[in-house]
Amino acid sequence: MNATKSIRSSVNKNNNNKKKMMRSSNHHHGLQINSLFNNNNNNNNSAKNKQTVVITGASSGLGLYTTKALVETGNYVVIMACRNVSKAEQKAKELGFPSDSYSIMECELADLDSVRSFGKKFLASKYASNFSALICNAALYLPNATVPTFTKQGFEECVGVNHLAHHLLALMLLEKLSVNATKEQKRLIIVGSVTGNTNTLAGQVPPRANLGDMVGLKTGFRNADRNKNAMIDGERFIGAKAYKDSKLCNMLDVQEMARRYGQSTGVQFSTMYPGCIAESDLFRNHTPFFQNLFPIIQKYVTKGYVSETEAGLRLASLIIDPQYSEQGAYWSWKGGGDQLMDNYWDSGNREIAFNNKPSKEGRDMKKAAAVFDYSSALVDFKPSATMKSKEMVPASVA
């Protein structure tokens, strides 16, 4: 059966599944995706009864199709946090989203003032009372750039948009998300990438992700130019590596959030890689030749290709399925989204996620703590007294 078709299958079982005890293991998890999205029951839940999910970058690609998968269940309202509000509205109308299933709010991740404004607006909105999940998805990829560009606050743009803005947003919304999280199913997911893990086929393609001593991040990219300090490791700027480094930061950041806040708040923190969406807007800044060739390579060589629809269903399943409960997990799927060297020939099950193994650097919890602390200082985040009391600071950095 076609993977995308077989994936569609379930919300009618979801309410019962949420009552089951959550399971945790290092093997395959969760229900088949086709049992999560079949028989769209669109049970006409009123907006006040729907769970709220915030998704950044929801106007295209993975964010848009995750929004689609969630709103079609009839059980969620998605806050589409987007830079281009008119584009998001156009896409929502094109895909036929019910008017009570989404709300669009401006959020420019290249400007932390905009991120703060979005956070305050959302927390003051009627949707915040049913807040159940945050998906930090938006990403900027500048693979051919040889000269760095910067956010409003002066951070290298890929790291600023992909990592620092999401770090701030996650911490701003965490206190609200943690309300009743020990009794309800609450999720905070930051989308990672196979390219940030050097133990994968894609991760071995130069330039490889490597944060080094993080002197660039530590100093806030001060006096940065193409030759120094624009990269996290302080070295010469390389556009493709800036993206990979930012994704490695995402994955380390989630693990540190899980360590500091997972047990005390009840929120489940994870990262994920849905497979390579080779025909998405993420590659809009690449050459036409690459855009034509890349999907072919992903389909027949790396075997990492997934469609936008399948990827959206995969990410949505991590919100819906109560069994994806491991703290700090890195969710992947066999058959697109795996790419570990020793699993290359194992197409496995495209519908069940498993907790994948990050690279050695991606498992370095001392480095994770440093990424968290340097990032918090750069975005000038000061937790409330309530969240300060819930933070479990690792002994090595206390």
Protein backbone atom coordinates (compact mmCIF):
# COMPACT_ATOMS: atom_id res chain seq x y z
CA MET A 1 0.00 0.00 0.00
CA ASN A 2 1.24 3.49 -0.80
CA ALA A 3 2.86 4.94 2.35
CA THR A 4 0.97 8.22 2.22
CA LYS A 5 -2.37 6.47 1.78
CA SER A 6 -1.67 3.89 4.46
CA ILE A 7 -0.62 6.61 6.86
CA ARG A 8 -4.11 8.15 6.88
CA SER A 9 -6.08 6.37 9.50
CA SER A 10 -7.35 7.32 13.03
CA VAL A 11 -8.44 9.88 15.35
CA ASN A 12 -11.40 7.65 16.32
CA LYS A 13 -8.96 5.47 18.27
CA ASN A 14 -7.00 8.40 19.64
CA ASN A 15 -9.27 9.32 22.55
CA ASN A 16 -9.07 5.76 23.89
CA ASN A 17 -5.34 5.60 23.26
CA LYS A 18 -4.73 8.75 25.30
CA LYS A 19 -6.13 6.95 28.32
CA LYS A 20 -3.62 4.13 28.03
CA MET A 21 -0.48 4.12 30.10
CA MET A 22 2.44 5.63 28.23
CA ARG A 23 5.19 3.24 27.32
CA SER A 24 8.88 3.86 26.95
CA SER A 25 11.65 1.81 25.32
CA ASN A 26 14.57 2.16 22.94
CA HIS A 27 12.78 0.26 20.20
CA HIS A 28 9.85 1.04 17.89
CA HIS A 29 7.12 3.12 19.45
CA GLY A 30 3.56 4.06 19.01
CA LEU A 31 0.66 3.10 16.86
CA GLN A 32 0.94 2.72 13.13
CA ILE A 33 0.39 6.17 11.68
CA ASN A 34 -2.45 4.73 9.63
CA SER A 35 -4.26 3.99 12.89
CA LEU A 36 -3.90 7.61 13.96
CA PHE A 37 -5.44 9.29 10.95
CA ASN A 38 -8.06 6.92 9.53
CA ASN A 39 -11.74 7.70 9.60
CA ASN A 40 -11.28 11.42 10.11
CA ASN A 41 -14.07 11.81 12.57
CA ASN A 42 -14.02 15.61 12.45
CA ASN A 43 -16.29 15.42 15.45
CA ASN A 44 -17.18 19.09 15.20
CA ASN A 45 -15.43 19.99 18.42
CA SER A 46 -16.06 23.60 19.24
CA ALA A 47 -13.00 25.81 19.28
CA LYS A 48 -13.06 25.96 23.08
CA ASN A 49 -12.72 22.17 23.28
CA LYS A 50 -9.90 21.86 20.74
CA GLN A 51 -6.29 21.54 21.80
CA THR A 52 -3.97 24.34 20.67
CA VAL A 53 -0.73 23.65 18.82
CA VAL A 54 1.72 26.42 17.90
CA ILE A 55 3.79 25.75 14.76
CA THR A 56 6.45 28.09 13.40
CA GLY A 57 6.96 28.23 9.66
CA ALA A 58 3.46 26.90 9.05
CA SER A 59 2.94 28.62 5.69
CA SER A 60 4.89 26.05 3.65
CA GLY A 61 6.56 22.64 3.64
CA LEU A 62 6.64 20.54 6.77
CA GLY A 63 4.93 23.17 8.92
CA LEU A 64 2.02 23.58 6.51
CA TYR A 65 1.42 19.87 6.05
CA THR A 66 1.70 19.19 9.78
CA THR A 67 -0.93 21.87 10.25
CA LYS A 68 -3.07 20.15 7.62
CA ALA A 69 -2.77 16.76 9.33
CA LEU A 70 -3.74 18.20 12.71
CA VAL A 71 -6.66 20.41 11.66
CA GLU A 72 -8.19 17.61 9.61
CA THR A 73 -8.65 15.55 12.77
CA GLY A 74 -11.13 18.11 14.06
CA ASN A 75 -9.43 18.04 17.46
CA TYR A 76 -6.87 20.84 17.12
CA VAL A 77 -6.55 24.55 16.54
CA VAL A 78 -3.17 25.40 15.03
CA ILE A 79 -1.56 28.77 15.61
CA MET A 80 0.37 29.37 12.40
CA ALA A 81 3.33 31.47 13.55
CA CYS A 82 4.62 32.92 10.30
CA ARG A 83 6.71 35.71 8.87
CA ASN A 84 4.38 36.17 5.90
CA VAL A 85 0.81 36.35 7.20
CA SER A 86 -0.83 36.82 3.79
CA LYS A 87 0.96 33.77 2.39
CA ALA A 88 -0.19 31.66 5.33
CA GLU A 89 -3.79 32.82 4.85
CA GLN A 90 -3.64 31.99 1.16
CA LYS A 91 -2.29 28.48 1.86
CA ALA A 92 -4.89 27.83 4.56
CA LYS A 93 -7.65 28.74 2.12
CA GLU A 94 -6.12 26.67 -0.72
CA LEU A 95 -6.02 23.58 1.51
CA GLY A 96 -9.49 24.22 2.85
CA PHE A 97 -8.71 24.60 6.54
CA PRO A 98 -11.92 25.19 8.54
CA SER A 99 -11.94 28.76 9.81
CA ASP A 100 -12.17 27.66 13.45
CA SER A 101 -9.19 25.31 13.14
CA TYR A 102 -6.39 27.83 12.71
CA SER A 103 -5.25 31.33 13.56
CA ILE A 104 -2.35 33.15 11.93
CA MET A 105 -0.04 35.32 14.00
CA GLU A 106 3.01 37.17 12.74
CA CYS A 107 6.35 35.92 14.01
CA GLU A 108 9.57 37.05 12.33
CA LEU A 109 12.27 34.76 13.70
CA ALA A 110 15.06 36.99 12.41
CA ASP A 111 13.99 39.59 14.98
CA LEU A 112 13.76 38.61 18.64
CA ASP A 113 11.51 41.61 19.30
CA SER A 114 8.98 40.01 16.94
CA VAL A 115 9.37 36.67 18.71
CA ARG A 116 8.68 38.33 22.06
CA SER A 117 5.70 40.17 20.61
CA PHE A 118 4.27 36.93 19.21
CA GLY A 119 4.77 35.17 22.54
CA LYS A 120 2.94 37.89 24.47
CA LYS A 121 0.11 38.02 21.93
CA PHE A 122 -0.38 34.26 21.99
CA LEU A 123 -0.30 34.03 25.79
CA ALA A 124 -2.94 36.76 25.99
CA SER A 125 -5.17 35.06 23.41
CA LYS A 126 -8.12 32.76 23.97
CA TYR A 127 -6.12 29.89 22.49
CA ALA A 128 -3.55 29.77 25.29
CA SER A 129 -5.93 28.11 27.76
CA ASN A 130 -5.86 24.84 25.76
CA PHE A 131 -2.16 25.02 24.83
CA SER A 132 -0.91 21.46 24.33
CA ALA A 133 2.10 21.59 22.01
CA LEU A 134 4.79 23.79 20.51
CA ILE A 135 6.50 22.73 17.27
CA CYS A 136 9.58 24.78 16.43
CA ASN A 137 9.82 24.00 12.72
CA ALA A 138 10.78 27.06 10.66
CA ALA A 139 14.25 26.99 9.16
CA LEU A 140 16.50 29.04 6.90
CA TYR A 141 19.05 27.33 4.63
CA LEU A 142 21.61 29.35 2.65
CA PRO A 143 23.79 26.63 1.09
CA ASN A 144 25.63 28.79 -1.43
CA ALA A 145 26.29 31.78 0.80
CA THR A 146 29.93 32.80 1.20
CA VAL A 147 29.23 36.02 3.08
CA PRO A 148 27.20 35.93 6.29
CA THR A 149 23.95 37.80 6.79
CA PHE A 150 22.66 38.77 10.21
CA THR A 151 19.46 39.03 12.20
CA LYS A 152 18.24 42.33 13.64
CA GLN A 153 20.12 41.55 16.86
CA GLY A 154 23.36 40.81 14.99
CA PHE A 155 23.42 37.00 15.03
CA GLU A 156 24.41 34.95 11.99
CA GLU A 157 21.07 34.45 10.27
CA CYS A 158 20.81 30.65 10.08
CA VAL A 159 21.70 30.22 13.75
CA GLY A 160 19.56 33.20 14.72
CA VAL A 161 16.44 31.98 12.92
CA ASN A 162 16.78 28.22 13.29
CA HIS A 163 18.13 28.02 16.83
CA LEU A 164 18.21 31.21 18.92
CA ALA A 165 14.71 32.42 18.06
CA HIS A 166 13.27 28.98 18.81
CA HIS A 167 15.25 28.77 22.04
CA LEU A 168 13.67 32.04 23.18
CA LEU A 169 10.17 31.07 22.02
CA ALA A 170 10.33 27.69 23.75
CA LEU A 171 11.39 29.22 27.06
CA MET A 172 8.82 32.01 26.80
CA LEU A 173 5.94 29.55 26.30
CA LEU A 174 7.15 26.74 28.55
CA GLU A 175 5.50 27.96 31.75
CA LYS A 176 2.08 28.07 30.09
CA LEU A 177 2.66 24.75 28.32
CA SER A 178 3.57 23.11 31.63
CA VAL A 179 0.15 23.80 33.20
CA ASN A 180 -1.39 20.40 33.99
CA ALA A 181 1.33 18.71 31.94
CA THR A 182 1.75 15.94 34.51
CA LYS A 183 -1.88 14.94 33.84
CA GLU A 184 -2.29 15.95 30.21
CA GLN A 185 -0.28 15.20 27.08
CA LYS A 186 2.00 18.18 26.44
CA ARG A 187 4.73 18.25 23.80
CA LEU A 188 7.59 20.58 22.87
CA ILE A 189 9.29 19.52 19.63
CA ILE A 190 12.17 21.20 17.82
CA VAL A 191 12.68 19.83 14.32
CA GLY A 192 16.20 18.54 13.77
CA SER A 193 18.01 17.32 10.66
CA VAL A 194 19.97 14.29 9.57
CA THR A 195 22.61 16.71 8.28
CA GLY A 196 23.44 17.74 11.85
CA ASN A 197 24.43 14.17 12.73
CA THR A 198 27.79 13.01 11.43
CA ASN A 199 26.94 9.34 12.06
CA THR A 200 24.61 9.40 9.03
CA LEU A 201 25.13 9.27 5.28
CA ALA A 202 23.91 12.85 4.81
CA GLY A 203 25.86 14.03 7.84
CA GLN A 204 29.10 12.85 6.27
CA VAL A 205 28.69 15.16 3.27
CA PRO A 206 31.12 18.10 3.69
CA PRO A 207 31.06 20.56 5.27
CA ARG A 208 30.16 18.56 8.38
CA ALA A 209 28.43 19.90 11.47
CA ASN A 210 30.89 20.70 14.24
CA LEU A 211 30.43 23.27 17.00
CA GLY A 212 34.07 23.24 18.08
CA ASP A 213 34.70 25.34 21.18
CA MET A 214 31.65 27.51 20.34
CA VAL A 215 33.63 30.74 20.54
CA GLY A 216 31.32 32.39 17.99
CA LEU A 217 28.18 31.53 19.96
CA LYS A 218 29.84 32.34 23.27
CA THR A 219 30.76 35.86 22.13
CA GLY A 220 27.47 36.53 20.35
CA PHE A 221 29.11 36.61 16.88
CA ARG A 222 30.78 39.89 17.82
CA ASN A 223 32.82 41.59 15.07
CA ALA A 224 31.85 38.79 12.69
CA ASP A 225 32.64 38.76 8.98
CA ARG A 226 33.23 36.11 6.33
CA ASN A 227 36.63 35.23 7.81
CA LYS A 228 35.88 34.88 11.51
CA ASN A 229 33.25 34.74 14.28
CA ALA A 230 30.14 34.37 12.07
CA MET A 231 30.15 30.61 12.65
CA ILE A 232 29.43 28.96 15.98
CA ASP A 233 33.00 27.63 16.06
CA GLY A 234 34.41 31.05 15.15
CA GLU A 235 35.87 29.84 11.86
CA ARG A 236 35.45 31.11 8.27
CA PHE A 237 31.83 31.39 7.18
CA ILE A 238 30.34 28.53 5.14
CA GLY A 239 26.61 28.81 4.46
CA ALA A 240 25.84 25.09 4.34
CA LYS A 241 27.72 24.43 7.59
CA ALA A 242 25.91 27.28 9.36
CA TYR A 243 22.62 25.46 8.71
CA LYS A 244 23.99 22.09 9.87
CA ASP A 245 25.46 23.62 13.02
CA SER A 246 22.13 25.29 13.82
CA LYS A 247 20.35 21.93 13.53
CA LEU A 248 22.91 20.32 15.82
CA CYS A 249 22.18 23.12 18.31
CA ASN A 250 18.45 22.36 18.01
CA MET A 251 19.02 18.72 18.90
CA LEU A 252 21.36 19.48 21.80
CA ASP A 253 19.02 22.19 23.09
CA VAL A 254 16.05 19.82 23.27
CA GLN A 255 18.05 17.28 25.27
CA GLU A 256 19.10 19.96 27.72
CA MET A 257 15.54 21.25 28.06
CA ALA A 258 14.45 17.69 28.80
CA ARG A 259 17.15 17.35 31.45
CA ARG A 260 16.35 20.67 33.11
CA TYR A 261 12.57 20.77 32.81
CA GLY A 262 11.21 17.39 31.76
CA GLN A 263 10.67 15.81 35.16
CA SER A 264 9.62 18.98 36.97
CA THR A 265 7.10 20.22 34.38
CA GLY A 266 5.77 17.01 32.84
CA VAL A 267 6.25 18.43 29.34
CA GLN A 268 7.75 15.91 26.91
CA PHE A 269 10.68 17.41 24.97
CA SER A 270 11.93 15.83 21.75
CA THR A 271 13.47 16.45 18.38
CA MET A 272 12.76 14.63 15.16
CA TYR A 273 13.72 14.20 11.53
CA PRO A 274 10.83 13.29 9.22
CA GLY A 275 12.94 12.28 6.22
CA CYS A 276 14.21 14.46 3.42
CA ILE A 277 11.47 16.62 1.95
CA ALA A 278 13.56 17.15 -1.16
CA GLU A 279 10.89 19.13 -3.01
CA SER A 280 10.17 21.85 -0.45
CA ASP A 281 10.78 25.58 -0.05
CA LEU A 282 13.73 24.84 2.24
CA PHE A 283 15.87 24.42 -0.89
CA ARG A 284 14.62 27.59 -2.60
CA ASN A 285 18.05 29.20 -2.26
CA HIS A 286 19.83 26.35 -4.04
CA THR A 287 20.66 26.22 -7.75
CA PRO A 288 18.03 24.98 -10.25
CA PHE A 289 20.36 22.08 -11.12
CA PHE A 290 20.45 20.97 -7.48
CA GLN A 291 16.70 21.37 -7.08
CA ASN A 292 16.13 19.01 -10.01
CA LEU A 293 18.79 16.44 -9.11
CA PHE A 294 18.37 16.32 -5.34
CA PRO A 295 14.97 14.55 -5.24
CA ILE A 296 16.34 11.83 -7.50
CA ILE A 297 19.35 11.28 -5.23
CA GLN A 298 17.13 11.14 -2.16
CA LYS A 299 14.74 8.67 -3.75
CA TYR A 300 17.28 6.25 -5.20
CA VAL A 301 20.64 6.74 -3.44
CA THR A 302 20.22 7.90 0.16
CA LYS A 303 16.66 6.56 0.38
CA GLY A 304 15.71 9.47 2.60
CA TYR A 305 12.95 10.96 0.43
CA VAL A 306 9.50 11.68 1.83
CA SER A 307 6.69 13.81 0.44
CA GLU A 308 5.46 16.89 2.28
CA THR A 309 2.23 15.05 3.08
CA GLU A 310 3.95 12.01 4.58
CA ALA A 311 6.38 14.17 6.56
CA GLY A 312 3.51 16.25 7.95
CA LEU A 313 1.66 13.15 9.06
CA ARG A 314 4.80 11.84 10.75
CA LEU A 315 5.33 15.03 12.75
CA ALA A 316 1.63 15.28 13.63
CA SER A 317 1.70 11.71 14.94
CA LEU A 318 4.25 12.77 17.57
CA ILE A 319 1.66 15.21 18.90
CA ILE A 320 -1.28 12.82 18.80
CA ASP A 321 0.16 9.45 19.84
CA PRO A 322 0.51 9.25 23.67
CA GLN A 323 3.18 6.58 23.41
CA TYR A 324 5.86 8.96 22.07
CA SER A 325 6.77 9.88 25.61
CA GLU A 326 10.56 9.48 25.97
CA GLN A 327 12.26 12.60 27.24
CA GLY A 328 14.88 14.05 24.92
CA ALA A 329 14.14 11.54 22.15
CA TYR A 330 15.32 11.96 18.56
CA TRP A 331 12.43 10.48 16.58
CA SER A 332 13.10 8.98 13.16
CA TRP A 333 11.52 6.51 10.79
CA LYS A 334 12.91 3.61 8.83
CA GLY A 335 12.46 4.21 5.14
CA GLY A 336 13.29 7.89 4.96
CA GLY A 337 14.54 9.78 7.99
CA ASP A 338 16.98 7.20 9.34
CA GLN A 339 20.19 7.09 7.29
CA LEU A 340 22.34 5.57 10.03
CA MET A 341 25.27 3.83 8.38
CA ASP A 342 24.39 0.41 9.78
CA ASN A 343 20.72 0.73 8.77
CA TYR A 344 21.21 1.77 5.15
CA TRP A 345 19.67 -1.41 3.74
CA ASP A 346 16.87 -1.56 6.30
CA SER A 347 13.81 0.20 4.89
CA GLY A 348 11.87 -0.96 7.97
CA ASN A 349 8.48 0.41 8.83
CA ARG A 350 7.69 3.84 7.42
CA GLU A 351 4.90 4.43 9.91
CA ILE A 352 6.38 3.79 13.36
CA ALA A 353 8.94 6.19 14.80
CA PHE A 354 11.87 5.04 16.91
CA ASN A 355 14.33 6.88 19.12
CA ASN A 356 17.32 7.27 16.83
CA LYS A 357 20.96 7.61 17.85
CA PRO A 358 22.48 11.08 17.47
CA SER A 359 26.15 11.55 16.66
CA LYS A 360 28.80 11.59 19.39
CA GLU A 361 28.69 15.39 19.47
CA GLY A 362 24.90 15.25 19.40
CA ARG A 363 25.00 13.20 22.61
CA ASP A 364 27.51 15.43 24.41
CA MET A 365 25.49 16.67 27.40
CA LYS A 366 28.25 18.96 28.62
CA LYS A 367 28.09 20.70 25.25
CA ALA A 368 24.27 20.67 25.41
CA ALA A 369 24.38 22.54 28.73
CA ALA A 370 26.76 25.11 27.25
CA VAL A 371 24.54 25.61 24.16
CA PHE A 372 21.56 26.18 26.46
CA ASP A 373 23.36 28.66 28.72
CA TYR A 374 25.10 30.64 25.95
CA SER A 375 21.82 30.83 24.02
CA SER A 376 19.80 31.97 27.05
CA ALA A 377 22.32 34.75 27.64
CA LEU A 378 22.25 35.89 24.00
CA VAL A 379 18.46 36.10 23.82
CA ASP A 380 18.35 37.72 27.27
CA PHE A 381 15.84 35.30 28.70
CA LYS A 382 15.09 35.56 32.40
CA PRO A 383 12.79 32.82 33.74
CA SER A 384 10.01 33.62 36.18
CA ALA A 385 10.38 32.60 39.80
CA THR A 386 8.07 29.66 39.12
CA MET A 387 10.17 28.32 36.24
CA LYS A 388 13.40 29.07 38.09
CA SER A 389 12.20 26.80 40.90
CA LYS A 390 11.51 24.01 38.38
CA GLU A 391 14.87 24.19 36.64
CA MET A 392 17.22 21.31 37.41
CA VAL A 393 20.62 22.77 36.54
CA PRO A 394 23.24 20.09 35.83
CA ALA A 395 25.87 19.91 38.57
CA SER A 396 28.63 20.49 36.03
CA VAL A 397 27.30 23.96 35.19
CA ALA A 398 25.59 24.92 38.46
